[in-house]
Amino acid sequence: MTITINEDLRAYIDPLTEDEYASLERSLLAEGCRDALVLWGDLLVDGHNRYGICQKHGIPFNTMQNETFKSIDDVHLWMIDNHLGRRSVSDFQRGVLALRKKEIVSARLAEAQAQQPPARPDGADTAAKPPVAPPLTREGIARAARVSSATLGQIEKIQKTATPELVNAVKSGDISINAAAVVASLPSEKQVAAVAGGKKELRQVARQVRESRLPPKPEVEAPPSDATPEQLEIHRLKLQVAELAEERDQLKKKVQHLTIALAEARGGQ
């Protein structure tokens, strides 16, 4: 049997970590290859790691054809949906895959709409129009990835503006998605420097960026020496508002720090 490996297809999904690969290798050596490799013709679609390990150790394996594929986009969508259903995939990886799905579906929708016949001026339809699938909403994409819409937006920002070093730090769990989206707003050289400094430096940089975005503390001018009782009362109220604003900002900082700590704790589980 001839099996063809497409490197772009193999790299479409993030590779296993060293520990995950070693665990899979132990499992295959102990139990054999129980799941069939998925092919499209002679092209390997699913099971690249299993195929490599089976070839290395001479482990027998089975294959199955997926007859539903009509194009490489069909293959990509199947791979995305297949991995979105796996529990071991991280939130960041699921978000990236869901955004890829959005791109494919949106491109197909645009193509289908472009092929629709133009409407007649009198409003009459000359022929039945094929149904066009509705576009994927951000909420729908987030549900598919099992993350919030806010988290999906942060992943999208990381994809667009983060350096490869920062992206790798997110994938390895050195920094949370929330904090990485903040660091990604910095120039590339500062992102790289923060990653080089390790987890502690990344957290500190994210905290500094957040604090720099807080509104400046309001300054309350002293009342004039001949202030009336009403002016003195207004001054007292302004001071009270300033104190409450400071207390609010401190609570925001605490919430942000706790959110980051919780996300990082979950990422380490």
C-alpha atoms as a PDB file:
ATOM      1  CA  MET A   1       0.000   0.000   0.000  1.00  0.00           C
ATOM      2  CA  THR A   2       1.283   3.431  -0.928  1.00  0.00           C
ATOM      3  CA  ILE A   3       0.747   6.165   1.649  1.00  0.00           C
ATOM      4  CA  THR A   4       1.667   9.731   0.745  1.00  0.00           C
ATOM      5  CA  ILE A   5       2.665  12.272   3.389  1.00  0.00           C
ATOM      6  CA  ASN A   6       1.885  15.922   2.682  1.00  0.00           C
ATOM      7  CA  GLU A   7       4.091  18.068   4.943  1.00  0.00           C
ATOM      8  CA  ASP A   8       1.679  21.005   4.877  1.00  0.00           C
ATOM      9  CA  LEU A   9      -1.129  18.705   5.948  1.00  0.00           C
ATOM     10  CA  ARG A  10       0.987  17.144   8.695  1.00  0.00           C
ATOM     11  CA  ALA A  11       1.849  20.632  10.002  1.00  0.00           C
ATOM     12  CA  TYR A  12      -1.766  21.853   9.818  1.00  0.00           C
ATOM     13  CA  ILE A  13      -2.325  20.673  13.394  1.00  0.00           C
ATOM     14  CA  ASP A  14       0.192  21.509  16.123  1.00  0.00           C
ATOM     15  CA  PRO A  15       2.593  18.586  16.691  1.00  0.00           C
ATOM     16  CA  LEU A  16       2.585  16.522  19.868  1.00  0.00           C
ATOM     17  CA  THR A  17       4.894  17.504  22.668  1.00  0.00           C
ATOM     18  CA  GLU A  18       7.808  15.196  23.456  1.00  0.00           C
ATOM     19  CA  ASP A  19       5.919  13.762  26.441  1.00  0.00           C
ATOM     20  CA  GLU A  20       2.747  13.202  24.390  1.00  0.00           C
ATOM     21  CA  TYR A  21       4.699  11.512  21.607  1.00  0.00           C
ATOM     22  CA  ALA A  22       6.500   9.256  24.097  1.00  0.00           C
ATOM     23  CA  SER A  23       3.190   8.331  25.715  1.00  0.00           C
ATOM     24  CA  LEU A  24       1.671   7.470  22.319  1.00  0.00           C
ATOM     25  CA  GLU A  25       4.712   5.365  21.435  1.00  0.00           C
ATOM     26  CA  ARG A  26       4.442   3.392  24.687  1.00  0.00           C
ATOM     27  CA  SER A  27       0.729   2.835  24.071  1.00  0.00           C
ATOM     28  CA  LEU A  28       1.264   1.560  20.526  1.00  0.00           C
ATOM     29  CA  LEU A  29       4.057  -0.769  21.622  1.00  0.00           C
ATOM     30  CA  ALA A  30       1.904  -2.188  24.409  1.00  0.00           C
ATOM     31  CA  GLU A  31      -1.504  -2.342  22.718  1.00  0.00           C
ATOM     32  CA  GLY A  32      -0.861  -2.075  18.984  1.00  0.00           C
ATOM     33  CA  CYS A  33      -2.467   0.433  16.622  1.00  0.00           C
ATOM     34  CA  ARG A  34      -6.169   0.054  17.338  1.00  0.00           C
ATOM     35  CA  ASP A  35      -7.448   3.119  15.415  1.00  0.00           C
ATOM     36  CA  ALA A  36      -7.352   3.052  11.624  1.00  0.00           C
ATOM     37  CA  LEU A  37      -5.372   5.700   9.766  1.00  0.00           C
ATOM     38  CA  VAL A  38      -7.637   7.945   7.674  1.00  0.00           C
ATOM     39  CA  LEU A  39      -6.762   8.346   3.988  1.00  0.00           C
ATOM     40  CA  TRP A  40      -7.996  10.393   1.066  1.00  0.00           C
ATOM     41  CA  GLY A  41      -6.866   8.297  -1.837  1.00  0.00           C
ATOM     42  CA  ASP A  42      -3.243   7.603  -0.923  1.00  0.00           C
ATOM     43  CA  LEU A  43      -2.918  10.853   1.073  1.00  0.00           C
ATOM     44  CA  LEU A  44      -2.639  10.416   4.844  1.00  0.00           C
ATOM     45  CA  VAL A  45      -5.125  12.707   6.594  1.00  0.00           C
ATOM     46  CA  ASP A  46      -5.193  11.523  10.201  1.00  0.00           C
ATOM     47  CA  GLY A  47      -2.643   9.425  12.071  1.00  0.00           C
ATOM     48  CA  HIS A  48       0.721  10.906  11.092  1.00  0.00           C
ATOM     49  CA  ASN A  49       2.283  10.193  14.484  1.00  0.00           C
ATOM     50  CA  ARG A  50       0.853   6.689  14.667  1.00  0.00           C
ATOM     51  CA  TYR A  51       2.047   5.967  11.130  1.00  0.00           C
ATOM     52  CA  GLY A  52       5.580   7.101  11.917  1.00  0.00           C
ATOM     53  CA  ILE A  53       5.752   5.047  15.110  1.00  0.00           C
ATOM     54  CA  CYS A  54       4.283   1.965  13.415  1.00  0.00           C
ATOM     55  CA  GLN A  55       6.828   2.261  10.604  1.00  0.00           C
ATOM     56  CA  LYS A  56       9.646   2.647  13.128  1.00  0.00           C
ATOM     57  CA  HIS A  57       8.717  -0.448  15.161  1.00  0.00           C
ATOM     58  CA  GLY A  58       7.027  -2.609  12.512  1.00  0.00           C
ATOM     59  CA  ILE A  59       3.619  -2.388  14.194  1.00  0.00           C
ATOM     60  CA  PRO A  60       0.699  -3.495  11.965  1.00  0.00           C
ATOM     61  CA  PHE A  61      -1.995  -0.897  11.265  1.00  0.00           C
ATOM     62  CA  ASN A  62      -5.254  -0.568   9.353  1.00  0.00           C
ATOM     63  CA  THR A  63      -6.431   2.220   7.068  1.00  0.00           C
ATOM     64  CA  MET A  64      -9.810   3.583   6.055  1.00  0.00           C
ATOM     65  CA  GLN A  65     -10.891   5.819   3.187  1.00  0.00           C
ATOM     66  CA  ASN A  66     -13.004   8.894   3.815  1.00  0.00           C
ATOM     67  CA  GLU A  67     -15.266   9.088   0.794  1.00  0.00           C
ATOM     68  CA  THR A  68     -16.800  12.438   1.757  1.00  0.00           C
ATOM     69  CA  PHE A  69     -13.768  14.551   0.855  1.00  0.00           C
ATOM     70  CA  LYS A  70     -14.150  16.524  -2.376  1.00  0.00           C
ATOM     71  CA  SER A  71     -11.379  19.097  -1.885  1.00  0.00           C
ATOM     72  CA  ILE A  72      -8.474  19.943   0.391  1.00  0.00           C
ATOM     73  CA  ASP A  73     -10.782  22.360   2.216  1.00  0.00           C
ATOM     74  CA  ASP A  74     -13.002  19.390   3.085  1.00  0.00           C
ATOM     75  CA  VAL A  75      -9.921  17.679   4.498  1.00  0.00           C
ATOM     76  CA  HIS A  76      -8.981  20.727   6.545  1.00  0.00           C
ATOM     77  CA  LEU A  77     -12.498  21.112   7.945  1.00  0.00           C
ATOM     78  CA  TRP A  78     -12.593  17.434   8.902  1.00  0.00           C
ATOM     79  CA  MET A  79      -9.219  17.712  10.629  1.00  0.00           C
ATOM     80  CA  ILE A  80     -10.361  20.818  12.502  1.00  0.00           C
ATOM     81  CA  ASP A  81     -13.627  19.284  13.708  1.00  0.00           C
ATOM     82  CA  ASN A  82     -11.828  16.075  14.649  1.00  0.00           C
ATOM     83  CA  HIS A  83      -9.314  17.905  16.835  1.00  0.00           C
ATOM     84  CA  LEU A  84     -11.860  20.314  18.334  1.00  0.00           C
ATOM     85  CA  GLY A  85     -13.584  17.268  19.792  1.00  0.00           C
ATOM     86  CA  ARG A  86     -10.470  16.041  21.598  1.00  0.00           C
ATOM     87  CA  ARG A  87     -10.118  16.820  25.296  1.00  0.00           C
ATOM     88  CA  SER A  88      -6.330  17.091  25.203  1.00  0.00           C
ATOM     89  CA  VAL A  89      -6.345  20.142  22.908  1.00  0.00           C
ATOM     90  CA  SER A  90      -5.614  23.413  24.740  1.00  0.00           C
ATOM     91  CA  ASP A  91      -7.887  26.457  24.671  1.00  0.00           C
ATOM     92  CA  PHE A  92      -5.381  28.313  22.491  1.00  0.00           C
ATOM     93  CA  GLN A  93      -5.147  25.464  19.977  1.00  0.00           C
ATOM     94  CA  ARG A  94      -8.942  25.129  19.834  1.00  0.00           C
ATOM     95  CA  GLY A  95      -9.275  28.864  19.252  1.00  0.00           C
ATOM     96  CA  VAL A  96      -6.727  28.795  16.427  1.00  0.00           C
ATOM     97  CA  LEU A  97      -8.483  25.838  14.789  1.00  0.00           C
ATOM     98  CA  ALA A  98     -11.906  27.474  15.119  1.00  0.00           C
ATOM     99  CA  LEU A  99     -10.595  30.652  13.489  1.00  0.00           C
ATOM    100  CA  ARG A 100      -9.203  28.572  10.620  1.00  0.00           C
ATOM    101  CA  LYS A 101     -12.623  27.003  10.214  1.00  0.00           C
ATOM    102  CA  LYS A 102     -14.161  30.469  10.068  1.00  0.00           C
ATOM    103  CA  GLU A 103     -11.775  31.460   7.267  1.00  0.00           C
ATOM    104  CA  ILE A 104     -12.631  28.394   5.181  1.00  0.00           C
ATOM    105  CA  VAL A 105     -16.387  28.685   5.718  1.00  0.00           C
ATOM    106  CA  SER A 106     -16.339  32.442   5.047  1.00  0.00           C
ATOM    107  CA  ALA A 107     -14.404  31.929   1.810  1.00  0.00           C
ATOM    108  CA  ARG A 108     -16.889  29.276   0.695  1.00  0.00           C
ATOM    109  CA  LEU A 109     -19.800  31.546   1.555  1.00  0.00           C
ATOM    110  CA  ALA A 110     -18.317  34.432  -0.443  1.00  0.00           C
ATOM    111  CA  GLU A 111     -17.768  32.116  -3.418  1.00  0.00           C
ATOM    112  CA  ALA A 112     -21.331  30.766  -3.222  1.00  0.00           C
ATOM    113  CA  GLN A 113     -22.777  34.271  -3.039  1.00  0.00           C
ATOM    114  CA  ALA A 114     -20.680  35.368  -6.022  1.00  0.00           C
ATOM    115  CA  GLN A 115     -22.138  32.510  -8.054  1.00  0.00           C
ATOM    116  CA  GLN A 116     -25.726  33.476  -7.264  1.00  0.00           C
ATOM    117  CA  PRO A 117     -27.539  34.821 -10.380  1.00  0.00           C
ATOM    118  CA  PRO A 118     -28.316  38.559 -10.187  1.00  0.00           C
ATOM    119  CA  ALA A 119     -31.832  39.479  -9.166  1.00  0.00           C
ATOM    120  CA  ARG A 120     -34.185  40.685 -11.902  1.00  0.00           C
ATOM    121  CA  PRO A 121     -35.341  44.320 -11.714  1.00  0.00           C
ATOM    122  CA  ASP A 122     -38.973  43.184 -11.408  1.00  0.00           C
ATOM    123  CA  GLY A 123     -38.081  41.000  -8.436  1.00  0.00           C
ATOM    124  CA  ALA A 124     -39.006  37.755 -10.149  1.00  0.00           C
ATOM    125  CA  ASP A 125     -36.714  34.746  -9.826  1.00  0.00           C
ATOM    126  CA  THR A 126     -35.706  33.184 -13.120  1.00  0.00           C
ATOM    127  CA  ALA A 127     -34.454  29.989 -11.494  1.00  0.00           C
ATOM    128  CA  ALA A 128     -34.312  28.343  -8.129  1.00  0.00           C
ATOM    129  CA  LYS A 129     -31.272  29.510  -6.217  1.00  0.00           C
ATOM    130  CA  PRO A 130     -29.210  26.936  -4.322  1.00  0.00           C
ATOM    131  CA  PRO A 131     -29.255  27.483  -0.562  1.00  0.00           C
ATOM    132  CA  VAL A 132     -26.321  29.357   0.896  1.00  0.00           C
ATOM    133  CA  ALA A 133     -25.103  28.388   4.358  1.00  0.00           C
ATOM    134  CA  PRO A 134     -25.324  31.203   6.918  1.00  0.00           C
ATOM    135  CA  PRO A 135     -22.026  32.806   7.982  1.00  0.00           C
ATOM    136  CA  LEU A 136     -20.390  31.676  11.208  1.00  0.00           C
ATOM    137  CA  THR A 137     -20.810  34.205  13.998  1.00  0.00           C
ATOM    138  CA  ARG A 138     -18.123  34.965  16.563  1.00  0.00           C
ATOM    139  CA  GLU A 139     -20.331  33.394  19.225  1.00  0.00           C
ATOM    140  CA  GLY A 140     -20.685  30.251  17.118  1.00  0.00           C
ATOM    141  CA  ILE A 141     -16.941  30.038  16.564  1.00  0.00           C
ATOM    142  CA  ALA A 142     -16.330  30.503  20.298  1.00  0.00           C
ATOM    143  CA  ARG A 143     -18.808  27.735  21.141  1.00  0.00           C
ATOM    144  CA  ALA A 144     -17.092  25.397  18.691  1.00  0.00           C
ATOM    145  CA  ALA A 145     -13.773  26.127  20.401  1.00  0.00           C
ATOM    146  CA  ARG A 146     -15.353  25.917  23.879  1.00  0.00           C
ATOM    147  CA  VAL A 147     -13.968  29.324  24.845  1.00  0.00           C
ATOM    148  CA  SER A 148     -15.595  32.700  25.493  1.00  0.00           C
ATOM    149  CA  SER A 149     -15.973  35.314  22.761  1.00  0.00           C
ATOM    150  CA  ALA A 150     -13.508  37.508  24.672  1.00  0.00           C
ATOM    151  CA  THR A 151     -10.919  34.714  24.760  1.00  0.00           C
ATOM    152  CA  LEU A 152     -11.417  34.072  21.054  1.00  0.00           C
ATOM    153  CA  GLY A 153     -10.762  37.769  20.384  1.00  0.00           C
ATOM    154  CA  GLN A 154      -7.552  37.559  22.415  1.00  0.00           C
ATOM    155  CA  ILE A 155      -6.414  34.498  20.440  1.00  0.00           C
ATOM    156  CA  GLU A 156      -7.118  36.352  17.202  1.00  0.00           C
ATOM    157  CA  LYS A 157      -5.038  39.294  18.419  1.00  0.00           C
ATOM    158  CA  ILE A 158      -2.176  36.969  19.381  1.00  0.00           C
ATOM    159  CA  GLN A 159      -2.260  35.411  15.920  1.00  0.00           C
ATOM    160  CA  LYS A 160      -2.083  38.815  14.246  1.00  0.00           C
ATOM    161  CA  THR A 161       0.446  40.690  16.392  1.00  0.00           C
ATOM    162  CA  ALA A 162       2.405  38.260  18.577  1.00  0.00           C
ATOM    163  CA  THR A 163       5.938  37.210  17.677  1.00  0.00           C
ATOM    164  CA  PRO A 164       6.642  33.480  17.146  1.00  0.00           C
ATOM    165  CA  GLU A 165       8.453  33.481  20.500  1.00  0.00           C
ATOM    166  CA  LEU A 166       5.360  34.779  22.311  1.00  0.00           C
ATOM    167  CA  VAL A 167       3.085  32.312  20.491  1.00  0.00           C
ATOM    168  CA  ASN A 168       5.347  29.448  21.583  1.00  0.00           C
ATOM    169  CA  ALA A 169       5.208  30.753  25.152  1.00  0.00           C
ATOM    170  CA  VAL A 170       1.406  30.552  25.053  1.00  0.00           C
ATOM    171  CA  LYS A 171       1.490  27.048  23.591  1.00  0.00           C
ATOM    172  CA  SER A 172       3.916  25.854  26.267  1.00  0.00           C
ATOM    173  CA  GLY A 173       1.851  27.386  29.068  1.00  0.00           C
ATOM    174  CA  ASP A 174       4.471  29.950  30.115  1.00  0.00           C
ATOM    175  CA  ILE A 175       1.875  32.717  29.781  1.00  0.00           C
ATOM    176  CA  SER A 176      -1.924  32.779  29.746  1.00  0.00           C
ATOM    177  CA  ILE A 177      -3.944  33.781  26.701  1.00  0.00           C
ATOM    178  CA  ASN A 178      -5.179  36.859  28.556  1.00  0.00           C
ATOM    179  CA  ALA A 179      -1.690  38.065  29.446  1.00  0.00           C
ATOM    180  CA  ALA A 180      -0.232  37.147  26.050  1.00  0.00           C
ATOM    181  CA  ALA A 181      -2.823  39.320  24.300  1.00  0.00           C
ATOM    182  CA  VAL A 182      -1.633  42.234  26.433  1.00  0.00           C
ATOM    183  CA  VAL A 183       2.063  41.596  25.739  1.00  0.00           C
ATOM    184  CA  ALA A 184       1.256  41.201  22.022  1.00  0.00           C
ATOM    185  CA  SER A 185       0.425  44.916  21.895  1.00  0.00           C
ATOM    186  CA  LEU A 186       4.116  45.755  22.470  1.00  0.00           C
ATOM    187  CA  PRO A 187       6.747  46.156  19.726  1.00  0.00           C
ATOM    188  CA  SER A 188       8.288  42.893  18.552  1.00  0.00           C
ATOM    189  CA  GLU A 189      11.639  43.440  20.261  1.00  0.00           C
ATOM    190  CA  LYS A 190       9.954  43.978  23.641  1.00  0.00           C
ATOM    191  CA  GLN A 191       7.882  40.830  23.186  1.00  0.00           C
ATOM    192  CA  VAL A 192      10.998  38.796  22.441  1.00  0.00           C
ATOM    193  CA  ALA A 193      12.810  40.286  25.441  1.00  0.00           C
ATOM    194  CA  ALA A 194       9.885  39.494  27.739  1.00  0.00           C
ATOM    195  CA  VAL A 195       9.783  35.860  26.569  1.00  0.00           C
ATOM    196  CA  ALA A 196      13.537  35.550  27.048  1.00  0.00           C
ATOM    197  CA  GLY A 197      13.087  36.675  30.651  1.00  0.00           C
ATOM    198  CA  GLY A 198      10.902  33.674  31.480  1.00  0.00           C
ATOM    199  CA  LYS A 199       7.509  33.290  33.147  1.00  0.00           C
ATOM    200  CA  LYS A 200       8.103  35.865  35.872  1.00  0.00           C
ATOM    201  CA  GLU A 201       9.227  38.514  33.403  1.00  0.00           C
ATOM    202  CA  LEU A 202       6.234  37.832  31.133  1.00  0.00           C
ATOM    203  CA  ARG A 203       3.794  38.275  34.010  1.00  0.00           C
ATOM    204  CA  GLN A 204       5.527  41.457  35.142  1.00  0.00           C
ATOM    205  CA  VAL A 205       5.452  42.943  31.640  1.00  0.00           C
ATOM    206  CA  ALA A 206       1.759  42.116  31.228  1.00  0.00           C
ATOM    207  CA  ARG A 207       1.025  43.750  34.601  1.00  0.00           C
ATOM    208  CA  GLN A 208       2.960  46.876  33.656  1.00  0.00           C
ATOM    209  CA  VAL A 209       1.128  47.214  30.346  1.00  0.00           C
ATOM    210  CA  ARG A 210      -2.245  46.870  32.057  1.00  0.00           C
ATOM    211  CA  GLU A 211      -1.373  49.436  34.702  1.00  0.00           C
ATOM    212  CA  SER A 212      -0.164  51.873  32.052  1.00  0.00           C
ATOM    213  CA  ARG A 213      -3.619  51.748  30.479  1.00  0.00           C
ATOM    214  CA  LEU A 214      -5.432  52.755  33.659  1.00  0.00           C
ATOM    215  CA  PRO A 215      -6.813  56.311  33.559  1.00  0.00           C
ATOM    216  CA  PRO A 216      -4.702  58.908  35.386  1.00  0.00           C
ATOM    217  CA  LYS A 217      -5.711  59.746  38.922  1.00  0.00           C
ATOM    218  CA  PRO A 218      -7.948  62.826  38.987  1.00  0.00           C
ATOM    219  CA  GLU A 219      -6.369  65.845  40.647  1.00  0.00           C
ATOM    220  CA  VAL A 220      -8.596  67.831  42.965  1.00  0.00           C
ATOM    221  CA  GLU A 221      -7.692  71.491  43.267  1.00  0.00           C
ATOM    222  CA  ALA A 222      -7.691  73.015  46.719  1.00  0.00           C
ATOM    223  CA  PRO A 223     -10.626  75.329  47.450  1.00  0.00           C
ATOM    224  CA  PRO A 224      -9.943  79.077  47.521  1.00  0.00           C
ATOM    225  CA  SER A 225      -9.165  80.669  50.873  1.00  0.00           C
ATOM    226  CA  ASP A 226     -12.482  82.490  50.831  1.00  0.00           C
ATOM    227  CA  ALA A 227     -14.511  79.429  49.788  1.00  0.00           C
ATOM    228  CA  THR A 228     -18.183  79.382  50.649  1.00  0.00           C
ATOM    229  CA  PRO A 229     -19.711  76.441  52.551  1.00  0.00           C
ATOM    230  CA  GLU A 230     -21.127  75.170  49.254  1.00  0.00           C
ATOM    231  CA  GLN A 231     -17.674  75.250  47.607  1.00  0.00           C
ATOM    232  CA  LEU A 232     -16.164  73.425  50.578  1.00  0.00           C
ATOM    233  CA  GLU A 233     -18.848  70.738  50.322  1.00  0.00           C
ATOM    234  CA  ILE A 234     -18.184  70.351  46.580  1.00  0.00           C
ATOM    235  CA  HIS A 235     -14.462  69.993  47.314  1.00  0.00           C
ATOM    236  CA  ARG A 236     -15.177  67.332  49.933  1.00  0.00           C
ATOM    237  CA  LEU A 237     -17.327  65.379  47.470  1.00  0.00           C
ATOM    238  CA  LYS A 238     -14.647  65.603  44.772  1.00  0.00           C
ATOM    239  CA  LEU A 239     -12.096  64.186  47.199  1.00  0.00           C
ATOM    240  CA  GLN A 240     -14.480  61.365  48.020  1.00  0.00           C
ATOM    241  CA  VAL A 241     -15.014  60.595  44.322  1.00  0.00           C
ATOM    242  CA  ALA A 242     -11.235  60.533  43.797  1.00  0.00           C
ATOM    243  CA  GLU A 243     -10.813  58.087  46.696  1.00  0.00           C
ATOM    244  CA  LEU A 244     -13.548  55.828  45.304  1.00  0.00           C
ATOM    245  CA  ALA A 245     -11.951  55.924  41.846  1.00  0.00           C
ATOM    246  CA  GLU A 246      -8.608  54.899  43.359  1.00  0.00           C
ATOM    247  CA  GLU A 247     -10.298  52.059  45.247  1.00  0.00           C
ATOM    248  CA  ARG A 248     -12.001  50.954  42.011  1.00  0.00           C
ATOM    249  CA  ASP A 249      -8.682  50.895  40.139  1.00  0.00           C
ATOM    250  CA  GLN A 250      -7.047  48.860  42.895  1.00  0.00           C
ATOM    251  CA  LEU A 251      -9.906  46.342  42.753  1.00  0.00           C
ATOM    252  CA  LYS A 252      -9.493  46.125  38.970  1.00  0.00           C
ATOM    253  CA  LYS A 253      -5.825  45.312  39.439  1.00  0.00           C
ATOM    254  CA  LYS A 254      -6.639  42.590  41.953  1.00  0.00           C
ATOM    255  CA  VAL A 255      -9.243  41.055  39.606  1.00  0.00           C
ATOM    256  CA  GLN A 256      -6.774  41.102  36.712  1.00  0.00           C
ATOM    257  CA  HIS A 257      -4.037  39.476  38.807  1.00  0.00           C
ATOM    258  CA  LEU A 258      -6.437  36.804  40.091  1.00  0.00           C
ATOM    259  CA  THR A 259      -7.717  36.145  36.557  1.00  0.00           C
ATOM    260  CA  ILE A 260      -4.184  35.668  35.269  1.00  0.00           C
ATOM    261  CA  ALA A 261      -3.235  33.429  38.210  1.00  0.00           C
ATOM    262  CA  LEU A 262      -6.353  31.293  37.693  1.00  0.00           C
ATOM    263  CA  ALA A 263      -5.730  30.960  33.942  1.00  0.00           C
ATOM    264  CA  GLU A 264      -2.100  29.985  34.517  1.00  0.00           C
ATOM    265  CA  ALA A 265      -3.091  27.483  37.216  1.00  0.00           C
ATOM    266  CA  ARG A 266      -5.579  25.858  34.844  1.00  0.00           C
ATOM    267  CA  GLY A 267      -2.997  25.790  32.079  1.00  0.00           C
ATOM    268  CA  GLY A 268      -0.605  23.903  34.320  1.00  0.00           C
ATOM    269  CA  GLN A 269      -3.081  21.150  35.137  1.00  0.00           C
END
